[in-house]
N, C-alpha and C. Protein backbone atom coordinates (compact mmCIF):
# COMPACT_ATOMS: atom_id res chain seq x y z
N MET A 1 0.83 -1.20 0.00
CA MET A 1 0.00 0.00 0.00
C MET A 1 0.86 1.26 0.00
N GLY A 2 1.99 1.26 0.72
CA GLY A 2 2.87 2.42 0.77
C GLY A 2 3.43 2.77 -0.59
N ASP A 3 3.86 1.77 -1.35
CA ASP A 3 4.39 2.02 -2.69
C ASP A 3 3.31 2.59 -3.60
N GLU A 4 2.10 2.10 -3.46
CA GLU A 4 0.97 2.60 -4.26
C GLU A 4 0.74 4.08 -3.98
N GLN A 5 0.73 4.46 -2.72
CA GLN A 5 0.50 5.85 -2.35
C GLN A 5 1.63 6.76 -2.80
N ASP A 6 2.84 6.24 -2.86
CA ASP A 6 3.99 7.04 -3.28
C ASP A 6 3.89 7.49 -4.73
N ARG A 7 3.21 6.72 -5.57
CA ARG A 7 3.13 7.08 -6.98
C ARG A 7 1.94 7.98 -7.28
N LEU A 8 1.05 8.17 -6.33
CA LEU A 8 -0.15 8.97 -6.54
C LEU A 8 0.06 10.43 -6.13
N LEU A 9 -0.71 11.31 -6.75
CA LEU A 9 -0.72 12.70 -6.32
C LEU A 9 -1.23 12.76 -4.88
N PRO A 10 -0.80 13.72 -4.11
CA PRO A 10 -1.27 13.81 -2.72
C PRO A 10 -2.79 13.99 -2.66
N VAL A 11 -3.44 13.17 -1.87
CA VAL A 11 -4.89 13.21 -1.78
C VAL A 11 -5.38 14.55 -1.23
N ALA A 12 -4.59 15.20 -0.39
CA ALA A 12 -4.99 16.51 0.14
C ALA A 12 -5.09 17.54 -0.99
N ASN A 13 -4.19 17.49 -1.94
CA ASN A 13 -4.24 18.41 -3.08
C ASN A 13 -5.46 18.12 -3.95
N VAL A 14 -5.72 16.85 -4.18
CA VAL A 14 -6.88 16.45 -4.99
C VAL A 14 -8.16 16.91 -4.30
N ARG A 15 -8.25 16.69 -2.98
CA ARG A 15 -9.43 17.10 -2.21
C ARG A 15 -9.62 18.61 -2.30
N ARG A 16 -8.54 19.37 -2.19
CA ARG A 16 -8.63 20.83 -2.24
C ARG A 16 -9.19 21.28 -3.59
N ILE A 17 -8.73 20.68 -4.67
CA ILE A 17 -9.23 21.04 -6.00
C ILE A 17 -10.70 20.67 -6.13
N MET A 18 -11.05 19.48 -5.64
CA MET A 18 -12.45 19.05 -5.70
C MET A 18 -13.35 20.02 -4.92
N LYS A 19 -12.91 20.45 -3.75
CA LYS A 19 -13.71 21.36 -2.92
C LYS A 19 -13.90 22.71 -3.59
N GLN A 20 -12.93 23.13 -4.42
CA GLN A 20 -13.03 24.43 -5.09
C GLN A 20 -14.17 24.47 -6.10
N VAL A 21 -14.51 23.34 -6.69
CA VAL A 21 -15.54 23.32 -7.72
C VAL A 21 -16.90 22.93 -7.19
N LEU A 22 -16.94 22.36 -6.02
CA LEU A 22 -18.21 21.93 -5.45
C LEU A 22 -18.80 23.02 -4.56
N PRO A 23 -20.12 22.98 -4.37
CA PRO A 23 -20.72 23.93 -3.42
C PRO A 23 -20.12 23.71 -2.02
N THR A 24 -20.11 24.76 -1.23
CA THR A 24 -19.49 24.67 0.09
C THR A 24 -20.16 23.64 0.99
N THR A 25 -21.41 23.33 0.73
CA THR A 25 -22.14 22.37 1.56
C THR A 25 -21.92 20.92 1.11
N ALA A 26 -21.27 20.73 -0.01
CA ALA A 26 -21.09 19.38 -0.55
C ALA A 26 -20.11 18.59 0.29
N LYS A 27 -20.38 17.32 0.41
CA LYS A 27 -19.49 16.38 1.10
C LYS A 27 -18.81 15.52 0.05
N ILE A 28 -17.57 15.11 0.32
CA ILE A 28 -16.83 14.25 -0.61
C ILE A 28 -16.45 12.98 0.13
N SER A 29 -16.88 11.86 -0.41
CA SER A 29 -16.57 10.59 0.24
C SER A 29 -15.10 10.23 0.05
N LYS A 30 -14.61 9.39 0.93
CA LYS A 30 -13.24 8.91 0.83
C LYS A 30 -13.04 8.20 -0.51
N GLU A 31 -14.02 7.42 -0.92
CA GLU A 31 -13.94 6.70 -2.19
C GLU A 31 -13.83 7.66 -3.38
N ALA A 32 -14.59 8.75 -3.34
CA ALA A 32 -14.55 9.74 -4.42
C ALA A 32 -13.18 10.40 -4.49
N LYS A 33 -12.62 10.75 -3.33
CA LYS A 33 -11.29 11.38 -3.31
C LYS A 33 -10.23 10.42 -3.85
N GLU A 34 -10.31 9.17 -3.44
CA GLU A 34 -9.32 8.19 -3.89
C GLU A 34 -9.46 7.91 -5.39
N THR A 35 -10.70 7.88 -5.88
CA THR A 35 -10.92 7.66 -7.32
C THR A 35 -10.36 8.82 -8.13
N MET A 36 -10.64 10.04 -7.69
CA MET A 36 -10.11 11.21 -8.39
C MET A 36 -8.59 11.27 -8.29
N GLN A 37 -8.05 10.85 -7.16
CA GLN A 37 -6.60 10.82 -6.98
C GLN A 37 -5.97 9.89 -8.01
N GLU A 38 -6.56 8.72 -8.19
CA GLU A 38 -6.04 7.76 -9.18
C GLU A 38 -6.20 8.28 -10.60
N CYS A 39 -7.35 8.86 -10.90
CA CYS A 39 -7.59 9.39 -12.25
C CYS A 39 -6.66 10.55 -12.58
N ALA A 40 -6.51 11.47 -11.65
CA ALA A 40 -5.63 12.63 -11.88
C ALA A 40 -4.19 12.18 -12.06
N THR A 41 -3.77 11.22 -11.25
CA THR A 41 -2.41 10.70 -11.37
C THR A 41 -2.21 10.03 -12.72
N GLU A 42 -3.19 9.26 -13.15
CA GLU A 42 -3.10 8.58 -14.44
C GLU A 42 -3.05 9.59 -15.58
N PHE A 43 -3.85 10.64 -15.49
CA PHE A 43 -3.87 11.67 -16.52
C PHE A 43 -2.51 12.37 -16.62
N VAL A 44 -1.94 12.74 -15.48
CA VAL A 44 -0.64 13.40 -15.47
C VAL A 44 0.42 12.46 -16.05
N SER A 45 0.37 11.20 -15.67
CA SER A 45 1.34 10.23 -16.19
C SER A 45 1.18 10.04 -17.69
N PHE A 46 -0.05 10.00 -18.16
CA PHE A 46 -0.35 9.82 -19.58
C PHE A 46 0.23 10.97 -20.40
N VAL A 47 -0.04 12.19 -19.98
CA VAL A 47 0.44 13.38 -20.70
C VAL A 47 1.96 13.48 -20.61
N THR A 48 2.51 13.23 -19.44
CA THR A 48 3.96 13.31 -19.25
C THR A 48 4.68 12.27 -20.09
N SER A 49 4.12 11.08 -20.18
CA SER A 49 4.72 10.02 -20.98
C SER A 49 4.77 10.41 -22.46
N GLU A 50 3.70 11.00 -22.94
CA GLU A 50 3.66 11.46 -24.33
C GLU A 50 4.71 12.55 -24.58
N ALA A 51 4.82 13.48 -23.64
CA ALA A 51 5.82 14.55 -23.76
C ALA A 51 7.23 13.98 -23.69
N ALA A 52 7.45 13.01 -22.81
CA ALA A 52 8.77 12.40 -22.66
C ALA A 52 9.17 11.63 -23.92
N ASP A 53 8.20 10.96 -24.55
CA ASP A 53 8.49 10.26 -25.80
C ASP A 53 8.96 11.23 -26.87
N LYS A 54 8.31 12.38 -26.94
CA LYS A 54 8.70 13.41 -27.91
C LYS A 54 10.14 13.86 -27.63
N CYS A 55 10.43 14.11 -26.37
CA CYS A 55 11.79 14.55 -26.00
C CYS A 55 12.82 13.48 -26.34
N HIS A 56 12.48 12.23 -26.10
CA HIS A 56 13.39 11.13 -26.40
C HIS A 56 13.70 11.08 -27.90
N LYS A 57 12.66 11.24 -28.72
CA LYS A 57 12.85 11.23 -30.18
C LYS A 57 13.70 12.39 -30.65
N GLU A 58 13.65 13.50 -29.90
CA GLU A 58 14.44 14.68 -30.25
C GLU A 58 15.77 14.73 -29.49
N ASN A 59 16.13 13.62 -28.86
CA ASN A 59 17.39 13.51 -28.10
C ASN A 59 17.53 14.60 -27.04
N ARG A 60 16.44 14.88 -26.36
CA ARG A 60 16.47 15.84 -25.25
C ARG A 60 16.14 15.10 -23.97
N LYS A 61 16.67 15.58 -22.86
CA LYS A 61 16.46 14.92 -21.58
C LYS A 61 15.46 15.65 -20.69
N THR A 62 15.14 16.88 -21.02
CA THR A 62 14.28 17.70 -20.18
C THR A 62 12.93 17.95 -20.85
N VAL A 63 11.86 17.62 -20.14
CA VAL A 63 10.51 17.92 -20.60
C VAL A 63 10.20 19.33 -20.15
N ASN A 64 9.73 20.17 -21.07
CA ASN A 64 9.39 21.54 -20.70
C ASN A 64 7.90 21.81 -20.93
N GLY A 65 7.46 22.99 -20.60
CA GLY A 65 6.05 23.34 -20.72
C GLY A 65 5.52 23.21 -22.13
N ASP A 66 6.34 23.56 -23.12
CA ASP A 66 5.91 23.44 -24.51
C ASP A 66 5.66 21.98 -24.87
N ASP A 67 6.47 21.08 -24.32
CA ASP A 67 6.28 19.65 -24.57
C ASP A 67 4.96 19.17 -23.98
N ILE A 68 4.61 19.67 -22.81
CA ILE A 68 3.34 19.30 -22.18
C ILE A 68 2.17 19.80 -23.04
N CYS A 69 2.27 21.03 -23.51
CA CYS A 69 1.22 21.58 -24.38
C CYS A 69 1.09 20.75 -25.66
N TRP A 70 2.23 20.39 -26.24
CA TRP A 70 2.21 19.57 -27.45
C TRP A 70 1.55 18.23 -27.16
N ALA A 71 1.91 17.62 -26.04
CA ALA A 71 1.35 16.31 -25.68
C ALA A 71 -0.16 16.41 -25.48
N LEU A 72 -0.61 17.43 -24.78
CA LEU A 72 -2.06 17.61 -24.58
C LEU A 72 -2.77 17.71 -25.92
N SER A 73 -2.21 18.50 -26.81
CA SER A 73 -2.82 18.67 -28.13
C SER A 73 -2.80 17.38 -28.93
N SER A 74 -1.68 16.69 -28.91
CA SER A 74 -1.57 15.45 -29.70
C SER A 74 -2.47 14.35 -29.15
N LEU A 75 -2.83 14.44 -27.88
CA LEU A 75 -3.71 13.44 -27.28
C LEU A 75 -5.18 13.83 -27.39
N GLY A 76 -5.44 14.95 -28.06
CA GLY A 76 -6.82 15.36 -28.28
C GLY A 76 -7.38 16.32 -27.25
N PHE A 77 -6.54 16.83 -26.38
CA PHE A 77 -6.97 17.78 -25.36
C PHE A 77 -6.61 19.20 -25.78
N ASP A 78 -7.06 19.60 -26.97
CA ASP A 78 -6.69 20.90 -27.53
C ASP A 78 -7.13 22.06 -26.64
N GLY A 79 -8.30 21.99 -26.06
CA GLY A 79 -8.78 23.06 -25.18
C GLY A 79 -7.87 23.24 -23.99
N TYR A 80 -7.42 22.14 -23.43
CA TYR A 80 -6.49 22.21 -22.30
C TYR A 80 -5.14 22.76 -22.76
N ALA A 81 -4.69 22.30 -23.92
CA ALA A 81 -3.39 22.74 -24.44
C ALA A 81 -3.40 24.26 -24.65
N ASP A 82 -4.48 24.78 -25.21
CA ASP A 82 -4.58 26.22 -25.44
C ASP A 82 -4.54 27.00 -24.13
N ALA A 83 -5.28 26.51 -23.14
CA ALA A 83 -5.31 27.19 -21.84
C ALA A 83 -3.95 27.14 -21.17
N ILE A 84 -3.29 26.00 -21.20
CA ILE A 84 -1.98 25.85 -20.58
C ILE A 84 -0.95 26.71 -21.31
N LEU A 85 -1.07 26.79 -22.63
CA LEU A 85 -0.15 27.62 -23.41
C LEU A 85 -0.28 29.09 -23.03
N ARG A 86 -1.52 29.56 -22.84
CA ARG A 86 -1.73 30.95 -22.40
C ARG A 86 -1.11 31.15 -21.02
N TYR A 87 -1.34 30.21 -20.13
CA TYR A 87 -0.78 30.29 -18.78
C TYR A 87 0.75 30.30 -18.84
N LEU A 88 1.31 29.40 -19.64
CA LEU A 88 2.76 29.29 -19.77
C LEU A 88 3.37 30.59 -20.28
N HIS A 89 2.71 31.21 -21.26
CA HIS A 89 3.18 32.48 -21.81
C HIS A 89 3.21 33.56 -20.72
N LYS A 90 2.13 33.65 -19.95
CA LYS A 90 2.09 34.65 -18.88
C LYS A 90 3.10 34.33 -17.79
N PHE A 91 3.26 33.07 -17.48
CA PHE A 91 4.23 32.66 -16.46
C PHE A 91 5.64 33.04 -16.87
N ARG A 92 5.98 32.76 -18.12
CA ARG A 92 7.32 33.10 -18.61
C ARG A 92 7.54 34.61 -18.60
N GLY A 93 6.53 35.37 -18.94
CA GLY A 93 6.64 36.83 -18.90
C GLY A 93 6.87 37.32 -17.48
N ALA A 94 6.15 36.74 -16.53
CA ALA A 94 6.31 37.12 -15.12
C ALA A 94 7.70 36.73 -14.61
N GLU A 95 8.17 35.55 -15.00
CA GLU A 95 9.51 35.11 -14.58
C GLU A 95 10.58 36.02 -15.16
N SER A 96 10.41 36.41 -16.40
CA SER A 96 11.37 37.31 -17.05
C SER A 96 11.39 38.66 -16.33
N GLN A 97 10.21 39.15 -16.01
CA GLN A 97 10.11 40.42 -15.30
C GLN A 97 10.77 40.33 -13.93
N ARG A 98 10.54 39.22 -13.23
CA ARG A 98 11.14 39.03 -11.91
C ARG A 98 12.67 38.96 -12.02
N ALA A 99 13.17 38.26 -13.04
CA ALA A 99 14.62 38.16 -13.23
C ALA A 99 15.22 39.54 -13.50
N ASN A 100 14.53 40.33 -14.30
CA ASN A 100 15.02 41.68 -14.59
C ASN A 100 15.03 42.55 -13.34
N GLN A 101 14.00 42.40 -12.50
CA GLN A 101 13.95 43.17 -11.25
C GLN A 101 15.09 42.75 -10.33
N ASN A 102 15.34 41.45 -10.24
CA ASN A 102 16.44 40.97 -9.40
C ASN A 102 17.78 41.45 -9.92
N LYS A 103 17.95 41.45 -11.26
CA LYS A 103 19.19 41.91 -11.86
C LYS A 103 19.38 43.40 -11.59
N ASP A 104 18.31 44.18 -11.76
CA ASP A 104 18.38 45.61 -11.49
C ASP A 104 18.68 45.88 -10.02
N SER A 105 18.07 45.10 -9.16
CA SER A 105 18.30 45.25 -7.72
C SER A 105 19.75 44.94 -7.37
N ALA A 106 20.28 43.86 -7.95
CA ALA A 106 21.67 43.47 -7.68
C ALA A 106 22.65 44.52 -8.21
N SER A 107 22.40 45.05 -9.40
CA SER A 107 23.32 46.06 -9.95
C SER A 107 23.21 47.36 -9.17
N GLY A 108 22.03 47.64 -8.64
CA GLY A 108 21.85 48.84 -7.81
C GLY A 108 22.62 48.72 -6.52
N LYS A 109 22.66 47.55 -5.92
CA LYS A 109 23.41 47.34 -4.69
C LYS A 109 24.90 47.48 -4.93
N LYS A 110 25.39 46.99 -6.06
CA LYS A 110 26.81 47.10 -6.38
C LYS A 110 27.21 48.57 -6.52
N ASP A 111 26.34 49.35 -7.19
CA ASP A 111 26.62 50.78 -7.34
C ASP A 111 26.68 51.47 -5.99
N GLU A 112 25.73 51.13 -5.10
CA GLU A 112 25.70 51.74 -3.78
C GLU A 112 26.95 51.38 -2.99
N GLU A 113 27.34 50.12 -3.06
CA GLU A 113 28.51 49.68 -2.31
C GLU A 113 29.78 50.35 -2.83
N SER A 114 29.87 50.51 -4.14
CA SER A 114 31.08 51.12 -4.70
C SER A 114 31.15 52.60 -4.39
N ASN A 115 30.00 53.26 -4.22
CA ASN A 115 29.99 54.69 -3.90
C ASN A 115 30.02 54.95 -2.40
N HIS A 116 29.88 53.91 -1.58
CA HIS A 116 29.85 54.03 -0.13
C HIS A 116 28.79 55.02 0.33
N LYS A 117 27.68 55.08 -0.36
CA LYS A 117 26.61 55.99 0.00
C LYS A 117 25.39 55.25 0.53
N ASN A 118 25.53 54.07 0.93
CA ASN A 118 24.40 53.27 1.37
C ASN A 118 24.02 53.64 2.79
N THR A 119 23.09 54.58 2.95
CA THR A 119 22.67 55.01 4.27
C THR A 119 21.37 54.34 4.69
N GLU A 120 20.68 53.74 3.77
CA GLU A 120 19.43 53.04 4.07
C GLU A 120 19.74 51.61 4.47
N PRO A 121 18.94 51.04 5.36
CA PRO A 121 19.12 49.62 5.67
C PRO A 121 18.81 48.78 4.44
N ASP A 122 19.48 47.65 4.33
CA ASP A 122 19.28 46.77 3.19
C ASP A 122 17.90 46.12 3.30
N CYS A 123 16.96 46.65 2.58
CA CYS A 123 15.58 46.17 2.67
C CYS A 123 15.00 46.15 1.27
N GLN A 124 14.41 45.03 0.93
CA GLN A 124 13.79 44.90 -0.39
C GLN A 124 12.37 44.41 -0.21
N ILE A 125 11.45 45.10 -0.82
CA ILE A 125 10.06 44.68 -0.75
C ILE A 125 9.85 43.64 -1.83
N GLY A 126 9.42 42.47 -1.42
CA GLY A 126 9.20 41.37 -2.37
C GLY A 126 7.97 41.61 -3.20
N THR A 127 8.06 41.33 -4.46
CA THR A 127 6.91 41.40 -5.34
C THR A 127 6.61 40.01 -5.83
N SER A 128 5.51 39.51 -5.37
CA SER A 128 5.15 38.16 -5.80
C SER A 128 4.29 38.25 -7.05
N THR A 129 4.47 37.33 -7.92
CA THR A 129 3.71 37.28 -9.15
C THR A 129 2.51 36.40 -8.94
N LEU A 130 1.35 36.92 -9.21
CA LEU A 130 0.13 36.16 -9.01
C LEU A 130 -0.26 35.50 -10.32
N LEU A 131 -0.20 34.20 -10.32
CA LEU A 131 -0.68 33.41 -11.44
C LEU A 131 -1.67 32.43 -10.87
N GLU A 132 -2.84 32.40 -11.41
CA GLU A 132 -3.83 31.50 -10.83
C GLU A 132 -4.54 30.71 -11.91
N PHE A 133 -4.96 29.52 -11.52
CA PHE A 133 -5.82 28.71 -12.34
C PHE A 133 -7.23 28.92 -11.81
N ARG A 134 -8.14 29.23 -12.69
CA ARG A 134 -9.52 29.38 -12.26
C ARG A 134 -10.31 28.19 -12.75
N ILE A 135 -11.19 27.72 -11.92
CA ILE A 135 -12.08 26.64 -12.29
C ILE A 135 -13.23 27.27 -13.07
N LEU A 136 -13.46 26.79 -14.28
CA LEU A 136 -14.50 27.35 -15.13
C LEU A 136 -15.74 26.49 -15.05
N ASP A 137 -16.84 27.04 -15.51
CA ASP A 137 -18.11 26.31 -15.49
C ASP A 137 -18.03 25.05 -16.31
N LYS A 138 -18.89 24.10 -15.96
CA LYS A 138 -18.94 22.85 -16.70
C LYS A 138 -19.30 23.14 -18.15
N GLY A 139 -18.72 22.35 -19.04
CA GLY A 139 -19.01 22.50 -20.46
C GLY A 139 -18.07 23.44 -21.17
N ASN A 140 -17.29 24.20 -20.43
CA ASN A 140 -16.33 25.10 -21.06
C ASN A 140 -15.09 24.30 -21.42
N SER A 141 -14.58 24.51 -22.61
CA SER A 141 -13.47 23.68 -23.07
C SER A 141 -12.12 24.09 -22.49
N SER A 142 -12.04 25.23 -21.83
CA SER A 142 -10.75 25.67 -21.28
C SER A 142 -10.61 25.18 -19.85
N LEU A 143 -9.45 24.65 -19.55
CA LEU A 143 -9.16 24.18 -18.19
C LEU A 143 -8.81 25.34 -17.28
N ALA A 144 -7.98 26.23 -17.76
CA ALA A 144 -7.48 27.29 -16.89
C ALA A 144 -7.26 28.54 -17.70
N GLU A 145 -7.28 29.64 -16.97
CA GLU A 145 -7.01 30.92 -17.62
C GLU A 145 -6.05 31.68 -16.74
N ALA A 146 -4.97 32.13 -17.28
CA ALA A 146 -3.99 32.87 -16.48
C ALA A 146 -4.50 34.27 -16.25
N SER A 147 -4.18 34.82 -15.11
CA SER A 147 -4.60 36.19 -14.84
C SER A 147 -3.41 37.11 -14.88
């Protein structure tokens, strides 16, 4: 049983996602959570395997977000692939912006240190990037939309 649980997605994460789409008064049975846990794990494995096969054929060792989008599309999940691609694009833009801010911050500190004019305490306000997956109404072909 321990080995079985090790290969599955954490049931707490699955339960949290299930609760987000259900009414607040809804109850979820243990059997329902375990069934969704197995299905979600199988889906992730299925898509990842397809992406890994593509990487293997291209003599690459790393599966990236574009490979996942390609795999979703090639497996017939075009709506999901489109949503993930939009999310991936926004995520990469946010990461690029964060890297530029960190680079600017680091070069600013070097200038201050070289001029010996640093009278302010070393304090940086963190800017977190908000990227969220929203659960859409039933029947909508998009899985997620980046904000």
